[in-house]
């Protein structure tokens, strides 16, 4: 038995594809703002793990910067 601290989370994470604002999670946002550094990002890829903690499979979905299409990479 691994105990309760070793368990895989299966919580759905909902986030925007464009203009994800992380300024509320930056320690010194005022410094970044003074340097004209934005804290907004556009999604360019995700990685999903299927399986358990001891085995499984990874699949990624990535946006091609040249053609703007999303591609799934699965070995």
PDB file of N, CA and C in Angstrom:
ATOM      1  N   UNK A   1       0.841  -1.192   0.000  1.00  0.00           N
ATOM      2  CA  UNK A   1       0.000   0.000   0.000  1.00  0.00           C
ATOM      3  C   UNK A   1       0.874   1.238   0.000  1.00  0.00           C
ATOM      4  N   UNK A   2       0.569   2.176  -0.855  1.00  0.00           N
ATOM      5  CA  UNK A   2       1.362   3.399  -0.949  1.00  0.00           C
ATOM      6  C   UNK A   2       0.860   4.493  -0.029  1.00  0.00           C
ATOM      7  N   UNK A   3      -0.352   4.389   0.450  1.00  0.00           N
ATOM      8  CA  UNK A   3      -0.894   5.429   1.322  1.00  0.00           C
ATOM      9  C   UNK A   3      -1.647   6.482   0.543  1.00  0.00           C
ATOM     10  N   UNK A   4      -2.282   7.370   1.276  1.00  0.00           N
ATOM     11  CA  UNK A   4      -3.124   8.385   0.656  1.00  0.00           C
ATOM     12  C   UNK A   4      -2.336   9.494  -0.034  1.00  0.00           C
ATOM     13  N   UNK A   5      -1.099   9.695   0.342  1.00  0.00           N
ATOM     14  CA  UNK A   5      -0.352  10.786  -0.280  1.00  0.00           C
ATOM     15  C   UNK A   5       0.129  10.433  -1.679  1.00  0.00           C
ATOM     16  N   UNK A   6       0.121   9.176  -2.043  1.00  0.00           N
ATOM     17  CA  UNK A   6       0.551   8.730  -3.364  1.00  0.00           C
ATOM     18  C   UNK A   6      -0.656   8.294  -4.178  1.00  0.00           C
ATOM     19  N   UNK A   7      -1.371   9.252  -4.705  1.00  0.00           N
ATOM     20  CA  UNK A   7      -2.498   8.911  -5.567  1.00  0.00           C
ATOM     21  C   UNK A   7      -2.549   9.892  -6.721  1.00  0.00           C
ATOM     22  N   UNK A   8      -2.995   9.404  -7.828  1.00  0.00           N
ATOM     23  CA  UNK A   8      -3.070  10.226  -9.027  1.00  0.00           C
ATOM     24  C   UNK A   8      -4.310  11.094  -8.969  1.00  0.00           C
ATOM     25  N   UNK A   9      -4.136  12.372  -9.274  1.00  0.00           N
ATOM     26  CA  UNK A   9      -5.268  13.289  -9.328  1.00  0.00           C
ATOM     27  C   UNK A   9      -5.931  13.184 -10.696  1.00  0.00           C
ATOM     28  N   UNK A  10      -7.230  13.243 -10.709  1.00  0.00           N
ATOM     29  CA  UNK A  10      -7.952  13.204 -11.984  1.00  0.00           C
ATOM     30  C   UNK A  10      -8.880  14.408 -12.114  1.00  0.00           C
ATOM     31  N   UNK A  11      -8.448  15.522 -11.552  1.00  0.00           N
ATOM     32  CA  UNK A  11      -9.228  16.748 -11.564  1.00  0.00           C
ATOM     33  C   UNK A  11      -9.165  17.407 -12.943  1.00  0.00           C
ATOM     34  N   UNK A  12     -10.311  17.792 -13.468  1.00  0.00           N
ATOM     35  CA  UNK A  12     -10.363  18.500 -14.738  1.00  0.00           C
ATOM     36  C   UNK A  12      -9.792  19.906 -14.553  1.00  0.00           C
ATOM     37  N   UNK A  13      -8.886  20.278 -15.431  1.00  0.00           N
ATOM     38  CA  UNK A  13      -8.303  21.610 -15.402  1.00  0.00           C
ATOM     39  C   UNK A  13      -8.828  22.358 -16.617  1.00  0.00           C
ATOM     40  N   UNK A  14      -9.540  23.437 -16.363  1.00  0.00           N
ATOM     41  CA  UNK A  14     -10.121  24.240 -17.431  1.00  0.00           C
ATOM     42  C   UNK A  14      -9.339  25.543 -17.536  1.00  0.00           C
ATOM     43  N   UNK A  15      -8.809  25.826 -18.720  1.00  0.00           N
ATOM     44  CA  UNK A  15      -8.006  27.021 -18.909  1.00  0.00           C
ATOM     45  C   UNK A  15      -8.244  27.552 -20.313  1.00  0.00           C
ATOM     46  N   UNK A  16      -8.039  28.850 -20.514  1.00  0.00           N
ATOM     47  CA  UNK A  16      -8.247  29.413 -21.850  1.00  0.00           C
ATOM     48  C   UNK A  16      -7.105  29.045 -22.793  1.00  0.00           C
ATOM     49  N   UNK A  17      -7.404  28.967 -24.055  1.00  0.00           N
ATOM     50  CA  UNK A  17      -6.372  28.697 -25.055  1.00  0.00           C
ATOM     51  C   UNK A  17      -5.570  29.963 -25.342  1.00  0.00           C
ATOM     52  N   UNK A  18      -6.234  31.093 -25.292  1.00  0.00           N
ATOM     53  CA  UNK A  18      -5.558  32.374 -25.562  1.00  0.00           C
ATOM     54  C   UNK A  18      -5.675  33.298 -24.357  1.00  0.00           C
ATOM     55  N   UNK A  19      -4.638  34.098 -24.167  1.00  0.00           N
ATOM     56  CA  UNK A  19      -4.602  35.142 -23.136  1.00  0.00           C
ATOM     57  C   UNK A  19      -4.788  34.623 -21.712  1.00  0.00           C
ATOM     58  N   UNK A  20      -4.102  33.559 -21.368  1.00  0.00           N
ATOM     59  CA  UNK A  20      -4.103  33.065 -19.987  1.00  0.00           C
ATOM     60  C   UNK A  20      -3.311  34.048 -19.135  1.00  0.00           C
ATOM     61  N   UNK A  21      -3.970  34.694 -18.204  1.00  0.00           N
ATOM     62  CA  UNK A  21      -3.352  35.727 -17.364  1.00  0.00           C
ATOM     63  C   UNK A  21      -2.871  35.111 -16.060  1.00  0.00           C
ATOM     64  N   UNK A  22      -1.567  35.085 -15.863  1.00  0.00           N
ATOM     65  CA  UNK A  22      -0.971  34.504 -14.652  1.00  0.00           C
ATOM     66  C   UNK A  22      -0.466  35.570 -13.688  1.00  0.00           C
ATOM     67  N   UNK A  23      -0.872  36.816 -13.883  1.00  0.00           N
ATOM     68  CA  UNK A  23      -0.359  37.901 -13.042  1.00  0.00           C
ATOM     69  C   UNK A  23      -0.721  37.720 -11.565  1.00  0.00           C
ATOM     70  N   UNK A  24      -1.835  37.059 -11.254  1.00  0.00           N
ATOM     71  CA  UNK A  24      -2.203  36.830  -9.851  1.00  0.00           C
ATOM     72  C   UNK A  24      -1.319  35.794  -9.172  1.00  0.00           C
ATOM     73  N   UNK A  25      -0.511  35.081  -9.942  1.00  0.00           N
ATOM     74  CA  UNK A  25       0.321  34.013  -9.392  1.00  0.00           C
ATOM     75  C   UNK A  25       1.809  34.365  -9.410  1.00  0.00           C
ATOM     76  N   UNK A  26       2.136  35.592  -9.796  1.00  0.00           N
ATOM     77  CA  UNK A  26       3.518  36.046  -9.850  1.00  0.00           C
ATOM     78  C   UNK A  26       3.845  36.758  -8.547  1.00  0.00           C
ATOM     79  N   UNK A  27       4.996  36.442  -7.985  1.00  0.00           N
ATOM     80  CA  UNK A  27       5.355  37.000  -6.682  1.00  0.00           C
ATOM     81  C   UNK A  27       5.522  38.518  -6.728  1.00  0.00           C
ATOM     82  N   UNK A  28       6.191  39.038  -7.731  1.00  0.00           N
ATOM     83  CA  UNK A  28       6.440  40.476  -7.795  1.00  0.00           C
ATOM     84  C   UNK A  28       5.925  41.036  -9.123  1.00  0.00           C
ATOM     85  N   UNK A  29       4.612  41.097  -9.246  1.00  0.00           N
ATOM     86  CA  UNK A  29       3.997  41.557 -10.492  1.00  0.00           C
ATOM     87  C   UNK A  29       4.341  43.017 -10.782  1.00  0.00           C
ATOM     88  N   UNK A  30       4.463  43.840  -9.758  1.00  0.00           N
ATOM     89  CA  UNK A  30       4.767  45.255  -9.990  1.00  0.00           C
ATOM     90  C   UNK A  30       6.121  45.426 -10.691  1.00  0.00           C
ATOM     91  N   UNK A  31       7.091  44.581 -10.341  1.00  0.00           N
ATOM     92  CA  UNK A  31       8.391  44.646 -11.019  1.00  0.00           C
ATOM     93  C   UNK A  31       8.235  44.281 -12.492  1.00  0.00           C
ATOM     94  N   UNK A  32       7.510  43.204 -12.773  1.00  0.00           N
ATOM     95  CA  UNK A  32       7.317  42.800 -14.168  1.00  0.00           C
ATOM     96  C   UNK A  32       6.597  43.883 -14.958  1.00  0.00           C
ATOM     97  N   UNK A  33       5.593  44.480 -14.353  1.00  0.00           N
ATOM     98  CA  UNK A  33       4.857  45.550 -15.025  1.00  0.00           C
ATOM     99  C   UNK A  33       5.770  46.747 -15.295  1.00  0.00           C
ATOM    100  N   UNK A  34       6.657  47.055 -14.356  1.00  0.00           N
ATOM    101  CA  UNK A  34       7.575  48.187 -14.558  1.00  0.00           C
ATOM    102  C   UNK A  34       8.569  47.917 -15.685  1.00  0.00           C
ATOM    103  N   UNK A  35       8.823  46.651 -15.962  1.00  0.00           N
ATOM    104  CA  UNK A  35       9.733  46.265 -17.047  1.00  0.00           C
ATOM    105  C   UNK A  35       8.969  45.982 -18.342  1.00  0.00           C
ATOM    106  N   UNK A  36       7.667  46.239 -18.332  1.00  0.00           N
ATOM    107  CA  UNK A  36       6.787  45.990 -19.483  1.00  0.00           C
ATOM    108  C   UNK A  36       6.802  44.517 -19.901  1.00  0.00           C
ATOM    109  N   UNK A  37       6.798  43.644 -18.892  1.00  0.00           N
ATOM    110  CA  UNK A  37       6.757  42.202 -19.126  1.00  0.00           C
ATOM    111  C   UNK A  37       5.342  41.716 -18.834  1.00  0.00           C
ATOM    112  N   UNK A  38       4.704  41.160 -19.836  1.00  0.00           N
ATOM    113  CA  UNK A  38       3.327  40.689 -19.687  1.00  0.00           C
ATOM    114  C   UNK A  38       3.294  39.305 -19.046  1.00  0.00           C
ATOM    115  N   UNK A  39       2.224  39.030 -18.376  1.00  0.00           N
ATOM    116  CA  UNK A  39       2.023  37.718 -17.752  1.00  0.00           C
ATOM    117  C   UNK A  39       0.861  36.978 -18.411  1.00  0.00           C
ATOM    118  N   UNK A  40       0.636  37.252 -19.676  1.00  0.00           N
ATOM    119  CA  UNK A  40      -0.408  36.549 -20.410  1.00  0.00           C
ATOM    120  C   UNK A  40       0.244  35.646 -21.451  1.00  0.00           C
ATOM    121  N   UNK A  41      -0.334  34.463 -21.598  1.00  0.00           N
ATOM    122  CA  UNK A  41       0.251  33.454 -22.466  1.00  0.00           C
ATOM    123  C   UNK A  41      -0.816  32.803 -23.329  1.00  0.00           C
ATOM    124  N   UNK A  42      -0.399  32.344 -24.494  1.00  0.00           N
ATOM    125  CA  UNK A  42      -1.242  31.541 -25.357  1.00  0.00           C
ATOM    126  C   UNK A  42      -0.772  30.094 -25.263  1.00  0.00           C
ATOM    127  N   UNK A  43      -1.716  29.193 -25.189  1.00  0.00           N
ATOM    128  CA  UNK A  43      -1.398  27.775 -25.060  1.00  0.00           C
ATOM    129  C   UNK A  43      -0.728  27.272 -26.330  1.00  0.00           C
ATOM    130  N   UNK A  44       0.342  26.512 -26.184  1.00  0.00           N
ATOM    131  CA  UNK A  44       1.020  25.944 -27.356  1.00  0.00           C
ATOM    132  C   UNK A  44       1.121  24.427 -27.263  1.00  0.00           C
ATOM    133  N   UNK A  45       0.774  23.837 -26.116  1.00  0.00           N
ATOM    134  CA  UNK A  45       0.814  22.383 -26.017  1.00  0.00           C
ATOM    135  C   UNK A  45       0.375  21.897 -24.653  1.00  0.00           C
ATOM    136  N   UNK A  46      -0.074  20.654 -24.620  1.00  0.00           N
ATOM    137  CA  UNK A  46      -0.436  19.995 -23.368  1.00  0.00           C
ATOM    138  C   UNK A  46       0.088  18.568 -23.397  1.00  0.00           C
ATOM    139  N   UNK A  47       0.251  17.981 -22.219  1.00  0.00           N
ATOM    140  CA  UNK A  47       0.652  16.585 -22.089  1.00  0.00           C
ATOM    141  C   UNK A  47      -0.342  15.903 -21.166  1.00  0.00           C
ATOM    142  N   UNK A  48      -0.866  14.777 -21.609  1.00  0.00           N
ATOM    143  CA  UNK A  48      -1.779  13.975 -20.796  1.00  0.00           C
ATOM    144  C   UNK A  48      -1.120  12.653 -20.455  1.00  0.00           C
ATOM    145  N   UNK A  49      -1.326  12.194 -19.232  1.00  0.00           N
ATOM    146  CA  UNK A  49      -0.844  10.881 -18.811  1.00  0.00           C
ATOM    147  C   UNK A  49      -2.041   9.979 -18.576  1.00  0.00           C
ATOM    148  N   UNK A  50      -2.019   8.822 -19.194  1.00  0.00           N
ATOM    149  CA  UNK A  50      -3.061   7.820 -19.008  1.00  0.00           C
ATOM    150  C   UNK A  50      -2.454   6.638 -18.275  1.00  0.00           C
ATOM    151  N   UNK A  51      -3.086   6.228 -17.189  1.00  0.00           N
ATOM    152  CA  UNK A  51      -2.573   5.095 -16.432  1.00  0.00           C
ATOM    153  C   UNK A  51      -2.526   5.402 -14.956  1.00  0.00           C
ATOM    154  N   UNK A  52      -1.661   4.694 -14.257  1.00  0.00           N
ATOM    155  CA  UNK A  52      -1.534   4.859 -12.812  1.00  0.00           C
ATOM    156  C   UNK A  52      -0.193   5.494 -12.483  1.00  0.00           C
ATOM    157  N   UNK A  53       0.145   5.550 -11.202  1.00  0.00           N
ATOM    158  CA  UNK A  53       1.430   6.112 -10.791  1.00  0.00           C
ATOM    159  C   UNK A  53       2.606   5.240 -11.192  1.00  0.00           C
ATOM    160  N   UNK A  54       2.387   3.947 -11.326  1.00  0.00           N
ATOM    161  CA  UNK A  54       3.493   3.029 -11.601  1.00  0.00           C
ATOM    162  C   UNK A  54       3.648   2.661 -13.068  1.00  0.00           C
ATOM    163  N   UNK A  55       2.664   2.948 -13.867  1.00  0.00           N
ATOM    164  CA  UNK A  55       2.791   2.701 -15.307  1.00  0.00           C
ATOM    165  C   UNK A  55       1.796   3.592 -16.037  1.00  0.00           C
ATOM    166  N   UNK A  56       1.954   3.688 -17.335  1.00  0.00           N
ATOM    167  CA  UNK A  56       1.023   4.502 -18.087  1.00  0.00           C
ATOM    168  C   UNK A  56       1.572   4.911 -19.432  1.00  0.00           C
ATOM    169  N   UNK A  57       0.941   5.902 -19.998  1.00  0.00           N
ATOM    170  CA  UNK A  57       1.251   6.340 -21.353  1.00  0.00           C
ATOM    171  C   UNK A  57       1.046   7.849 -21.441  1.00  0.00           C
ATOM    172  N   UNK A  58       1.956   8.522 -22.117  1.00  0.00           N
ATOM    173  CA  UNK A  58       1.858   9.969 -22.307  1.00  0.00           C
ATOM    174  C   UNK A  58       1.457  10.286 -23.743  1.00  0.00           C
ATOM    175  N   UNK A  59       0.570  11.243 -23.881  1.00  0.00           N
ATOM    176  CA  UNK A  59       0.144  11.743 -25.191  1.00  0.00           C
ATOM    177  C   UNK A  59       0.200  13.268 -25.130  1.00  0.00           C
ATOM    178  N   UNK A  60       0.762  13.886 -26.159  1.00  0.00           N
ATOM    179  CA  UNK A  60       0.816  15.345 -26.191  1.00  0.00           C
ATOM    180  C   UNK A  60       0.023  15.875 -27.375  1.00  0.00           C
ATOM    181  N   UNK A  61      -0.494  17.075 -27.194  1.00  0.00           N
ATOM    182  CA  UNK A  61      -1.179  17.804 -28.254  1.00  0.00           C
ATOM    183  C   UNK A  61      -0.481  19.154 -28.343  1.00  0.00           C
ATOM    184  N   UNK A  62       0.029  19.480 -29.540  1.00  0.00           N
ATOM    185  CA  UNK A  62       0.884  20.645 -29.702  1.00  0.00           C
ATOM    186  C   UNK A  62       0.424  21.462 -30.905  1.00  0.00           C
ATOM    187  N   UNK A  63       0.451  22.785 -30.732  1.00  0.00           N
ATOM    188  CA  UNK A  63       0.095  23.684 -31.823  1.00  0.00           C
ATOM    189  C   UNK A  63       1.335  23.996 -32.661  1.00  0.00           C
ATOM    190  N   UNK A  64       1.242  23.745 -33.949  1.00  0.00           N
ATOM    191  CA  UNK A  64       2.331  24.038 -34.857  1.00  0.00           C
ATOM    192  C   UNK A  64       2.381  25.552 -35.085  1.00  0.00           C
ATOM    193  N   UNK A  65       3.510  26.198 -34.803  1.00  0.00           N
ATOM    194  CA  UNK A  65       3.570  27.655 -34.936  1.00  0.00           C
ATOM    195  C   UNK A  65       3.554  28.138 -36.385  1.00  0.00           C
ATOM    196  N   UNK A  66       3.790  27.264 -37.330  1.00  0.00           N
ATOM    197  CA  UNK A  66       3.841  27.666 -38.736  1.00  0.00           C
ATOM    198  C   UNK A  66       2.489  27.601 -39.423  1.00  0.00           C
ATOM    199  N   UNK A  67       1.708  26.545 -39.127  1.00  0.00           N
ATOM    200  CA  UNK A  67       0.409  26.433 -39.801  1.00  0.00           C
ATOM    201  C   UNK A  67      -0.779  26.656 -38.865  1.00  0.00           C
ATOM    202  N   UNK A  68      -0.525  26.782 -37.550  1.00  0.00           N
ATOM    203  CA  UNK A  68      -1.598  27.066 -36.600  1.00  0.00           C
ATOM    204  C   UNK A  68      -2.487  25.883 -36.281  1.00  0.00           C
ATOM    205  N   UNK A  69      -2.183  24.702 -36.803  1.00  0.00           N
ATOM    206  CA  UNK A  69      -2.993  23.510 -36.541  1.00  0.00           C
ATOM    207  C   UNK A  69      -2.463  22.776 -35.302  1.00  0.00           C
ATOM    208  N   UNK A  70      -3.393  22.063 -34.643  1.00  0.00           N
ATOM    209  CA  UNK A  70      -3.054  21.260 -33.470  1.00  0.00           C
ATOM    210  C   UNK A  70      -2.788  19.824 -33.914  1.00  0.00           C
ATOM    211  N   UNK A  71      -1.729  19.233 -33.371  1.00  0.00           N
ATOM    212  CA  UNK A  71      -1.351  17.869 -33.722  1.00  0.00           C
ATOM    213  C   UNK A  71      -1.219  17.031 -32.460  1.00  0.00           C
ATOM    214  N   UNK A  72      -1.673  15.790 -32.551  1.00  0.00           N
ATOM    215  CA  UNK A  72      -1.580  14.839 -31.437  1.00  0.00           C
ATOM    216  C   UNK A  72      -0.384  13.924 -31.680  1.00  0.00           C
ATOM    217  N   UNK A  73       0.459  13.829 -30.669  1.00  0.00           N
ATOM    218  CA  UNK A  73       1.633  12.958 -30.746  1.00  0.00           C
ATOM    219  C   UNK A  73       1.449  11.823 -29.755  1.00  0.00           C
ATOM    220  N   UNK A  74       1.412  10.621 -30.285  1.00  0.00           N
ATOM    221  CA  UNK A  74       1.129   9.427 -29.491  1.00  0.00           C
ATOM    222  C   UNK A  74       1.996   8.303 -30.019  1.00  0.00           C
ATOM    223  N   UNK A  75       2.929   7.851 -29.196  1.00  0.00           N
ATOM    224  CA  UNK A  75       3.824   6.784 -29.667  1.00  0.00           C
ATOM    225  C   UNK A  75       3.158   5.441 -29.510  1.00  0.00           C
TER     226      UNK A  75
END
